[in-house]
Amino acid sequence: MVPDGEQQEMVKPKANWELIRVVVSLIFLVIGLVFEKAGGASYFFIPLYIVAVLMGGWGNFRKAIYSIPRLDFNMGVLMSVDCKFRA
């Protein structure tokens, strides 16, 4: 109930960006896996895998981007370097 003369503001729910990134990452991963198992050329499925890794690990990549110029080698930097050299 809202008192007379006042309007009720509609509050939009905030999107859960972490969940959205995980779902998008999963979609790209599955599409890449389907292309790979179907015998597709590597230039089709490797970019899909790269997008999946970037979307899924964006939190760590973002922390690493801010930490590297300050020479603050935290877990975000270490995980990003690990992903880069494993790919």
PDB file of N, CA and C in Angstrom:
ATOM      1  N   MET A   1       0.835  -1.171   0.000  1.00  0.00           N
ATOM      2  CA  MET A   1       0.000   0.000   0.000  1.00  0.00           C
ATOM      3  C   MET A   1       0.884   1.240   0.000  1.00  0.00           C
ATOM      4  N   VAL A   2       0.471   2.204  -0.799  1.00  0.00           N
ATOM      5  CA  VAL A   2       1.215   3.449  -0.937  1.00  0.00           C
ATOM      6  C   VAL A   2       0.314   4.576  -0.480  1.00  0.00           C
ATOM      7  N   PRO A   3       0.831   5.485   0.389  1.00  0.00           N
ATOM      8  CA  PRO A   3       0.007   6.615   0.822  1.00  0.00           C
ATOM      9  C   PRO A   3      -0.412   7.484  -0.364  1.00  0.00           C
ATOM     10  N   ASP A   4      -1.536   8.206  -0.201  1.00  0.00           N
ATOM     11  CA  ASP A   4      -2.024   9.069  -1.270  1.00  0.00           C
ATOM     12  C   ASP A   4      -0.977  10.114  -1.631  1.00  0.00           C
ATOM     13  N   GLY A   5      -0.873  10.398  -2.909  1.00  0.00           N
ATOM     14  CA  GLY A   5       0.053  11.423  -3.379  1.00  0.00           C
ATOM     15  C   GLY A   5       1.457  10.893  -3.656  1.00  0.00           C
ATOM     16  N   GLU A   6       1.759   9.682  -3.300  1.00  0.00           N
ATOM     17  CA  GLU A   6       3.084   9.114  -3.567  1.00  0.00           C
ATOM     18  C   GLU A   6       2.955   8.013  -4.607  1.00  0.00           C
ATOM     19  N   GLN A   7       3.957   7.919  -5.423  1.00  0.00           N
ATOM     20  CA  GLN A   7       3.969   6.875  -6.430  1.00  0.00           C
ATOM     21  C   GLN A   7       4.919   5.766  -5.986  1.00  0.00           C
ATOM     22  N   GLN A   8       4.525   4.586  -6.313  1.00  0.00           N
ATOM     23  CA  GLN A   8       5.373   3.451  -5.977  1.00  0.00           C
ATOM     24  C   GLN A   8       6.392   3.266  -7.104  1.00  0.00           C
ATOM     25  N   GLU A   9       7.669   3.200  -6.726  1.00  0.00           N
ATOM     26  CA  GLU A   9       8.713   3.015  -7.721  1.00  0.00           C
ATOM     27  C   GLU A   9       8.863   1.532  -8.010  1.00  0.00           C
ATOM     28  N   MET A  10       8.986   1.248  -9.282  1.00  0.00           N
ATOM     29  CA  MET A  10       9.221  -0.129  -9.679  1.00  0.00           C
ATOM     30  C   MET A  10      10.717  -0.414  -9.566  1.00  0.00           C
ATOM     31  N   VAL A  11      11.066  -1.396  -8.805  1.00  0.00           N
ATOM     32  CA  VAL A  11      12.458  -1.763  -8.629  1.00  0.00           C
ATOM     33  C   VAL A  11      12.749  -2.947  -9.545  1.00  0.00           C
ATOM     34  N   LYS A  12      13.662  -2.726 -10.467  1.00  0.00           N
ATOM     35  CA  LYS A  12      14.027  -3.803 -11.381  1.00  0.00           C
ATOM     36  C   LYS A  12      15.023  -4.726 -10.680  1.00  0.00           C
ATOM     37  N   PRO A  13      14.803  -6.015 -10.782  1.00  0.00           N
ATOM     38  CA  PRO A  13      15.773  -6.921 -10.177  1.00  0.00           C
ATOM     39  C   PRO A  13      17.087  -6.884 -10.956  1.00  0.00           C
ATOM     40  N   LYS A  14      18.189  -6.935 -10.218  1.00  0.00           N
ATOM     41  CA  LYS A  14      19.494  -6.935 -10.861  1.00  0.00           C
ATOM     42  C   LYS A  14      19.763  -8.312 -11.452  1.00  0.00           C
ATOM     43  N   ALA A  15      20.364  -8.305 -12.603  1.00  0.00           N
ATOM     44  CA  ALA A  15      20.694  -9.564 -13.258  1.00  0.00           C
ATOM     45  C   ALA A  15      21.869 -10.208 -12.537  1.00  0.00           C
ATOM     46  N   ASN A  16      21.835 -11.490 -12.442  1.00  0.00           N
ATOM     47  CA  ASN A  16      22.939 -12.223 -11.853  1.00  0.00           C
ATOM     48  C   ASN A  16      23.954 -12.485 -12.961  1.00  0.00           C
ATOM     49  N   TRP A  17      24.900 -11.555 -13.116  1.00  0.00           N
ATOM     50  CA  TRP A  17      25.830 -11.608 -14.236  1.00  0.00           C
ATOM     51  C   TRP A  17      26.733 -12.825 -14.178  1.00  0.00           C
ATOM     52  N   GLU A  18      27.072 -13.282 -12.997  1.00  0.00           N
ATOM     53  CA  GLU A  18      27.920 -14.466 -12.899  1.00  0.00           C
ATOM     54  C   GLU A  18      27.209 -15.690 -13.467  1.00  0.00           C
ATOM     55  N   LEU A  19      25.942 -15.841 -13.153  1.00  0.00           N
ATOM     56  CA  LEU A  19      25.169 -16.956 -13.682  1.00  0.00           C
ATOM     57  C   LEU A  19      25.018 -16.847 -15.197  1.00  0.00           C
ATOM     58  N   ILE A  20      24.788 -15.644 -15.689  1.00  0.00           N
ATOM     59  CA  ILE A  20      24.659 -15.431 -17.127  1.00  0.00           C
ATOM     60  C   ILE A  20      25.960 -15.792 -17.834  1.00  0.00           C
ATOM     61  N   ARG A  21      27.102 -15.370 -17.261  1.00  0.00           N
ATOM     62  CA  ARG A  21      28.392 -15.707 -17.873  1.00  0.00           C
ATOM     63  C   ARG A  21      28.629 -17.207 -17.891  1.00  0.00           C
ATOM     64  N   VAL A  22      28.246 -17.895 -16.824  1.00  0.00           N
ATOM     65  CA  VAL A  22      28.432 -19.346 -16.771  1.00  0.00           C
ATOM     66  C   VAL A  22      27.572 -20.030 -17.826  1.00  0.00           C
ATOM     67  N   VAL A  23      26.341 -19.598 -17.970  1.00  0.00           N
ATOM     68  CA  VAL A  23      25.449 -20.210 -18.959  1.00  0.00           C
ATOM     69  C   VAL A  23      25.958 -19.955 -20.379  1.00  0.00           C
ATOM     70  N   VAL A  24      26.394 -18.724 -20.664  1.00  0.00           N
ATOM     71  CA  VAL A  24      26.938 -18.409 -21.988  1.00  0.00           C
ATOM     72  C   VAL A  24      28.202 -19.225 -22.236  1.00  0.00           C
ATOM     73  N   SER A  25      29.051 -19.350 -21.235  1.00  0.00           N
ATOM     74  CA  SER A  25      30.262 -20.156 -21.359  1.00  0.00           C
ATOM     75  C   SER A  25      29.922 -21.605 -21.655  1.00  0.00           C
ATOM     76  N   LEU A  26      28.939 -22.134 -20.961  1.00  0.00           N
ATOM     77  CA  LEU A  26      28.523 -23.513 -21.193  1.00  0.00           C
ATOM     78  C   LEU A  26      27.989 -23.702 -22.609  1.00  0.00           C
ATOM     79  N   ILE A  27      27.226 -22.741 -23.097  1.00  0.00           N
ATOM     80  CA  ILE A  27      26.683 -22.828 -24.454  1.00  0.00           C
ATOM     81  C   ILE A  27      27.814 -22.866 -25.480  1.00  0.00           C
ATOM     82  N   PHE A  28      28.793 -21.956 -25.336  1.00  0.00           N
ATOM     83  CA  PHE A  28      29.915 -21.944 -26.267  1.00  0.00           C
ATOM     84  C   PHE A  28      30.740 -23.226 -26.159  1.00  0.00           C
ATOM     85  N   LEU A  29      30.898 -23.745 -24.948  1.00  0.00           N
ATOM     86  CA  LEU A  29      31.648 -24.984 -24.754  1.00  0.00           C
ATOM     87  C   LEU A  29      30.965 -26.163 -25.444  1.00  0.00           C
ATOM     88  N   VAL A  30      29.652 -26.270 -25.283  1.00  0.00           N
ATOM     89  CA  VAL A  30      28.909 -27.369 -25.895  1.00  0.00           C
ATOM     90  C   VAL A  30      28.931 -27.253 -27.420  1.00  0.00           C
ATOM     91  N   ILE A  31      28.755 -26.042 -27.943  1.00  0.00           N
ATOM     92  CA  ILE A  31      28.794 -25.855 -29.396  1.00  0.00           C
ATOM     93  C   ILE A  31      30.181 -26.210 -29.942  1.00  0.00           C
ATOM     94  N   GLY A  32      31.225 -25.785 -29.234  1.00  0.00           N
ATOM     95  CA  GLY A  32      32.582 -26.129 -29.654  1.00  0.00           C
ATOM     96  C   GLY A  32      32.827 -27.622 -29.616  1.00  0.00           C
ATOM     97  N   LEU A  33      32.316 -28.285 -28.593  1.00  0.00           N
ATOM     98  CA  LEU A  33      32.476 -29.733 -28.483  1.00  0.00           C
ATOM     99  C   LEU A  33      31.750 -30.451 -29.614  1.00  0.00           C
ATOM    100  N   VAL A  34      30.564 -29.976 -29.950  1.00  0.00           N
ATOM    101  CA  VAL A  34      29.805 -30.585 -31.050  1.00  0.00           C
ATOM    102  C   VAL A  34      30.557 -30.424 -32.368  1.00  0.00           C
ATOM    103  N   PHE A  35      31.089 -29.205 -32.622  1.00  0.00           N
ATOM    104  CA  PHE A  35      31.863 -28.990 -33.849  1.00  0.00           C
ATOM    105  C   PHE A  35      33.102 -29.874 -33.888  1.00  0.00           C
ATOM    106  N   GLU A  36      33.777 -30.001 -32.740  1.00  0.00           N
ATOM    107  CA  GLU A  36      34.994 -30.818 -32.713  1.00  0.00           C
ATOM    108  C   GLU A  36      34.688 -32.289 -32.957  1.00  0.00           C
ATOM    109  N   LYS A  37      33.676 -32.816 -32.291  1.00  0.00           N
ATOM    110  CA  LYS A  37      33.333 -34.234 -32.439  1.00  0.00           C
ATOM    111  C   LYS A  37      32.733 -34.545 -33.808  1.00  0.00           C
ATOM    112  N   ALA A  38      32.151 -33.548 -34.462  1.00  0.00           N
ATOM    113  CA  ALA A  38      31.582 -33.751 -35.792  1.00  0.00           C
ATOM    114  C   ALA A  38      32.652 -33.693 -36.879  1.00  0.00           C
ATOM    115  N   GLY A  39      33.902 -33.429 -36.486  1.00  0.00           N
ATOM    116  CA  GLY A  39      34.983 -33.386 -37.458  1.00  0.00           C
ATOM    117  C   GLY A  39      35.147 -32.044 -38.127  1.00  0.00           C
ATOM    118  N   GLY A  40      34.666 -31.005 -37.478  1.00  0.00           N
ATOM    119  CA  GLY A  40      34.795 -29.668 -38.050  1.00  0.00           C
ATOM    120  C   GLY A  40      36.229 -29.187 -38.011  1.00  0.00           C
ATOM    121  N   ALA A  41      36.508 -28.190 -38.817  1.00  0.00           N
ATOM    122  CA  ALA A  41      37.849 -27.614 -38.867  1.00  0.00           C
ATOM    123  C   ALA A  41      38.153 -26.903 -37.555  1.00  0.00           C
ATOM    124  N   SER A  42      39.427 -26.892 -37.196  1.00  0.00           N
ATOM    125  CA  SER A  42      39.813 -26.320 -35.905  1.00  0.00           C
ATOM    126  C   SER A  42      39.535 -24.826 -35.824  1.00  0.00           C
ATOM    127  N   TYR A  43      39.502 -24.118 -36.957  1.00  0.00           N
ATOM    128  CA  TYR A  43      39.217 -22.692 -36.894  1.00  0.00           C
ATOM    129  C   TYR A  43      37.746 -22.410 -36.594  1.00  0.00           C
ATOM    130  N   PHE A  44      36.905 -23.440 -36.528  1.00  0.00           N
ATOM    131  CA  PHE A  44      35.525 -23.266 -36.069  1.00  0.00           C
ATOM    132  C   PHE A  44      35.403 -23.449 -34.560  1.00  0.00           C
ATOM    133  N   PHE A  45      36.009 -24.521 -34.033  1.00  0.00           N
ATOM    134  CA  PHE A  45      35.746 -24.815 -32.626  1.00  0.00           C
ATOM    135  C   PHE A  45      36.752 -24.194 -31.658  1.00  0.00           C
ATOM    136  N   ILE A  46      37.963 -23.882 -32.061  1.00  0.00           N
ATOM    137  CA  ILE A  46      38.929 -23.283 -31.140  1.00  0.00           C
ATOM    138  C   ILE A  46      38.472 -21.889 -30.690  1.00  0.00           C
ATOM    139  N   PRO A  47      37.986 -21.003 -31.581  1.00  0.00           N
ATOM    140  CA  PRO A  47      37.473 -19.718 -31.082  1.00  0.00           C
ATOM    141  C   PRO A  47      36.289 -19.879 -30.119  1.00  0.00           C
ATOM    142  N   LEU A  48      35.478 -20.907 -30.321  1.00  0.00           N
ATOM    143  CA  LEU A  48      34.368 -21.140 -29.392  1.00  0.00           C
ATOM    144  C   LEU A  48      34.890 -21.515 -28.011  1.00  0.00           C
ATOM    145  N   TYR A  49      35.937 -22.345 -27.968  1.00  0.00           N
ATOM    146  CA  TYR A  49      36.554 -22.699 -26.686  1.00  0.00           C
ATOM    147  C   TYR A  49      37.184 -21.481 -26.017  1.00  0.00           C
ATOM    148  N   ILE A  50      37.818 -20.627 -26.810  1.00  0.00           N
ATOM    149  CA  ILE A  50      38.449 -19.425 -26.244  1.00  0.00           C
ATOM    150  C   ILE A  50      37.397 -18.509 -25.631  1.00  0.00           C
ATOM    151  N   VAL A  51      36.282 -18.320 -26.327  1.00  0.00           N
ATOM    152  CA  VAL A  51      35.200 -17.489 -25.789  1.00  0.00           C
ATOM    153  C   VAL A  51      34.643 -18.119 -24.506  1.00  0.00           C
ATOM    154  N   ALA A  52      34.514 -19.442 -24.485  1.00  0.00           N
ATOM    155  CA  ALA A  52      34.011 -20.122 -23.285  1.00  0.00           C
ATOM    156  C   ALA A  52      34.942 -19.904 -22.097  1.00  0.00           C
ATOM    157  N   VAL A  53      36.254 -19.985 -22.330  1.00  0.00           N
ATOM    158  CA  VAL A  53      37.222 -19.770 -21.244  1.00  0.00           C
ATOM    159  C   VAL A  53      37.174 -18.329 -20.763  1.00  0.00           C
ATOM    160  N   LEU A  54      37.112 -17.392 -21.695  1.00  0.00           N
ATOM    161  CA  LEU A  54      37.070 -15.977 -21.307  1.00  0.00           C
ATOM    162  C   LEU A  54      35.791 -15.630 -20.546  1.00  0.00           C
ATOM    163  N   MET A  55      34.661 -16.148 -21.015  1.00  0.00           N
ATOM    164  CA  MET A  55      33.397 -15.849 -20.333  1.00  0.00           C
ATOM    165  C   MET A  55      33.351 -16.504 -18.951  1.00  0.00           C
ATOM    166  N   GLY A  56      33.786 -17.737 -18.864  1.00  0.00           N
ATOM    167  CA  GLY A  56      33.740 -18.448 -17.595  1.00  0.00           C
ATOM    168  C   GLY A  56      34.730 -17.920 -16.578  1.00  0.00           C
ATOM    169  N   GLY A  57      35.876 -17.443 -17.037  1.00  0.00           N
ATOM    170  CA  GLY A  57      36.905 -16.969 -16.120  1.00  0.00           C
ATOM    171  C   GLY A  57      37.040 -15.468 -16.084  1.00  0.00           C
ATOM    172  N   TRP A  58      35.994 -14.747 -16.496  1.00  0.00           N
ATOM    173  CA  TRP A  58      36.089 -13.290 -16.584  1.00  0.00           C
ATOM    174  C   TRP A  58      36.410 -12.646 -15.243  1.00  0.00           C
ATOM    175  N   GLY A  59      35.905 -13.182 -14.148  1.00  0.00           N
ATOM    176  CA  GLY A  59      36.194 -12.609 -12.827  1.00  0.00           C
ATOM    177  C   GLY A  59      37.686 -12.640 -12.535  1.00  0.00           C
ATOM    178  N   ASN A  60      38.331 -13.765 -12.809  1.00  0.00           N
ATOM    179  CA  ASN A  60      39.778 -13.872 -12.597  1.00  0.00           C
ATOM    180  C   ASN A  60      40.547 -13.007 -13.577  1.00  0.00           C
ATOM    181  N   PHE A  61      40.123 -12.971 -14.852  1.00  0.00           N
ATOM    182  CA  PHE A  61      40.818 -12.142 -15.831  1.00  0.00           C
ATOM    183  C   PHE A  61      40.722 -10.661 -15.453  1.00  0.00           C
ATOM    184  N   ARG A  62      39.569 -10.242 -14.978  1.00  0.00           N
ATOM    185  CA  ARG A  62      39.394  -8.833 -14.589  1.00  0.00           C
ATOM    186  C   ARG A  62      40.302  -8.477 -13.418  1.00  0.00           C
ATOM    187  N   LYS A  63      40.382  -9.365 -12.430  1.00  0.00           N
ATOM    188  CA  LYS A  63      41.284  -9.125 -11.293  1.00  0.00           C
ATOM    189  C   LYS A  63      42.731  -9.083 -11.742  1.00  0.00           C
ATOM    190  N   ALA A  64      43.089  -9.961 -12.684  1.00  0.00           N
ATOM    191  CA  ALA A  64      44.471  -9.999 -13.167  1.00  0.00           C
ATOM    192  C   ALA A  64      44.826  -8.734 -13.925  1.00  0.00           C
ATOM    193  N   ILE A  65      43.894  -8.218 -14.721  1.00  0.00           N
ATOM    194  CA  ILE A  65      44.157  -7.007 -15.502  1.00  0.00           C
ATOM    195  C   ILE A  65      44.470  -5.835 -14.578  1.00  0.00           C
ATOM    196  N   TYR A  66      43.776  -5.733 -13.448  1.00  0.00           N
ATOM    197  CA  TYR A  66      44.020  -4.644 -12.509  1.00  0.00           C
ATOM    198  C   TYR A  66      45.269  -4.883 -11.669  1.00  0.00           C
ATOM    199  N   SER A  67      45.644  -6.130 -11.445  1.00  0.00           N
ATOM    200  CA  SER A  67      46.744  -6.443 -10.537  1.00  0.00           C
ATOM    201  C   SER A  67      48.109  -6.430 -11.211  1.00  0.00           C
ATOM    202  N   ILE A  68      48.189  -6.776 -12.477  1.00  0.00           N
ATOM    203  CA  ILE A  68      49.487  -6.878 -13.153  1.00  0.00           C
ATOM    204  C   ILE A  68      50.239  -5.548 -13.179  1.00  0.00           C
ATOM    205  N   PRO A  69      49.620  -4.408 -13.533  1.00  0.00           N
ATOM    206  CA  PRO A  69      50.394  -3.154 -13.537  1.00  0.00           C
ATOM    207  C   PRO A  69      50.922  -2.766 -12.152  1.00  0.00           C
ATOM    208  N   ARG A  70      50.249  -3.203 -11.100  1.00  0.00           N
ATOM    209  CA  ARG A  70      50.696  -2.899  -9.742  1.00  0.00           C
ATOM    210  C   ARG A  70      51.676  -3.928  -9.209  1.00  0.00           C
ATOM    211  N   LEU A  71      51.997  -4.936 -10.038  1.00  0.00           N
ATOM    212  CA  LEU A  71      52.872  -6.044  -9.649  1.00  0.00           C
ATOM    213  C   LEU A  71      52.365  -6.762  -8.404  1.00  0.00           C
ATOM    214  N   ASP A  72      51.057  -6.870  -8.319  1.00  0.00           N
ATOM    215  CA  ASP A  72      50.403  -7.576  -7.218  1.00  0.00           C
ATOM    216  C   ASP A  72      49.952  -8.933  -7.756  1.00  0.00           C
ATOM    217  N   PHE A  73      50.818  -9.929  -7.620  1.00  0.00           N
ATOM    218  CA  PHE A  73      50.552 -11.235  -8.198  1.00  0.00           C
ATOM    219  C   PHE A  73      49.675 -12.058  -7.265  1.00  0.00           C
ATOM    220  N   ASN A  74      48.383 -11.877  -7.404  1.00  0.00           N
ATOM    221  CA  ASN A  74      47.420 -12.597  -6.570  1.00  0.00           C
ATOM    222  C   ASN A  74      46.890 -13.817  -7.329  1.00  0.00           C
ATOM    223  N   MET A  75      45.878 -14.457  -6.784  1.00  0.00           N
ATOM    224  CA  MET A  75      45.350 -15.676  -7.379  1.00  0.00           C
ATOM    225  C   MET A  75      44.749 -15.421  -8.765  1.00  0.00           C
ATOM    226  N   GLY A  76      44.166 -14.241  -9.001  1.00  0.00           N
ATOM    227  CA  GLY A  76      43.619 -13.917 -10.311  1.00  0.00           C
ATOM    228  C   GLY A  76      44.696 -13.921 -11.383  1.00  0.00           C
ATOM    229  N   VAL A  77      45.851 -13.366 -11.071  1.00  0.00           N
ATOM    230  CA  VAL A  77      46.970 -13.341 -12.018  1.00  0.00           C
ATOM    231  C   VAL A  77      47.464 -14.757 -12.271  1.00  0.00           C
ATOM    232  N   LEU A  78      47.642 -15.514 -11.205  1.00  0.00           N
ATOM    233  CA  LEU A  78      48.157 -16.877 -11.354  1.00  0.00           C
ATOM    234  C   LEU A  78      47.219 -17.758 -12.167  1.00  0.00           C
ATOM    235  N   MET A  79      45.910 -17.648 -11.943  1.00  0.00           N
ATOM    236  CA  MET A  79      44.949 -18.454 -12.698  1.00  0.00           C
ATOM    237  C   MET A  79      44.916 -18.028 -14.165  1.00  0.00           C
ATOM    238  N   SER A  80      45.039 -16.737 -14.440  1.00  0.00           N
ATOM    239  CA  SER A  80      45.028 -16.260 -15.821  1.00  0.00           C
ATOM    240  C   SER A  80      46.262 -16.739 -16.566  1.00  0.00           C
ATOM    241  N   VAL A  81      47.414 -16.682 -15.919  1.00  0.00           N
ATOM    242  CA  VAL A  81      48.639 -17.168 -16.545  1.00  0.00           C
ATOM    243  C   VAL A  81      48.541 -18.668 -16.778  1.00  0.00           C
ATOM    244  N   ASP A  82      47.990 -19.382 -15.823  1.00  0.00           N
ATOM    245  CA  ASP A  82      47.830 -20.822 -15.959  1.00  0.00           C
ATOM    246  C   ASP A  82      46.921 -21.160 -17.142  1.00  0.00           C
ATOM    247  N   CYS A  83      45.823 -20.445 -17.291  1.00  0.00           N
ATOM    248  CA  CYS A  83      44.909 -20.687 -18.420  1.00  0.00           C
ATOM    249  C   CYS A  83      45.579 -20.371 -19.745  1.00  0.00           C
ATOM    250  N   LYS A  84      46.368 -19.315 -19.766  1.00  0.00           N
ATOM    251  CA  LYS A  84      47.026 -18.916 -21.013  1.00  0.00           C
ATOM    252  C   LYS A  84      48.023 -19.982 -21.462  1.00  0.00           C
ATOM    253  N   PHE A  85      48.801 -20.519 -20.546  1.00  0.00           N
ATOM    254  CA  PHE A  85      49.827 -21.478 -20.940  1.00  0.00           C
ATOM    255  C   PHE A  85      49.293 -22.882 -21.139  1.00  0.00           C
ATOM    256  N   ARG A  86      48.124 -23.183 -20.618  1.00  0.00           N
ATOM    257  CA  ARG A  86      47.536 -24.494 -20.857  1.00  0.00           C
ATOM    258  C   ARG A  86      46.821 -24.567 -22.200  1.00  0.00           C
ATOM    259  N   ALA A  87      46.416 -23.415 -22.717  1.00  0.00           N
ATOM    260  CA  ALA A  87      45.655 -23.392 -23.982  1.00  0.00           C
ATOM    261  C   ALA A  87      46.503 -23.678 -25.182  1.00  0.00           C
TER     262      ALA A  87
END
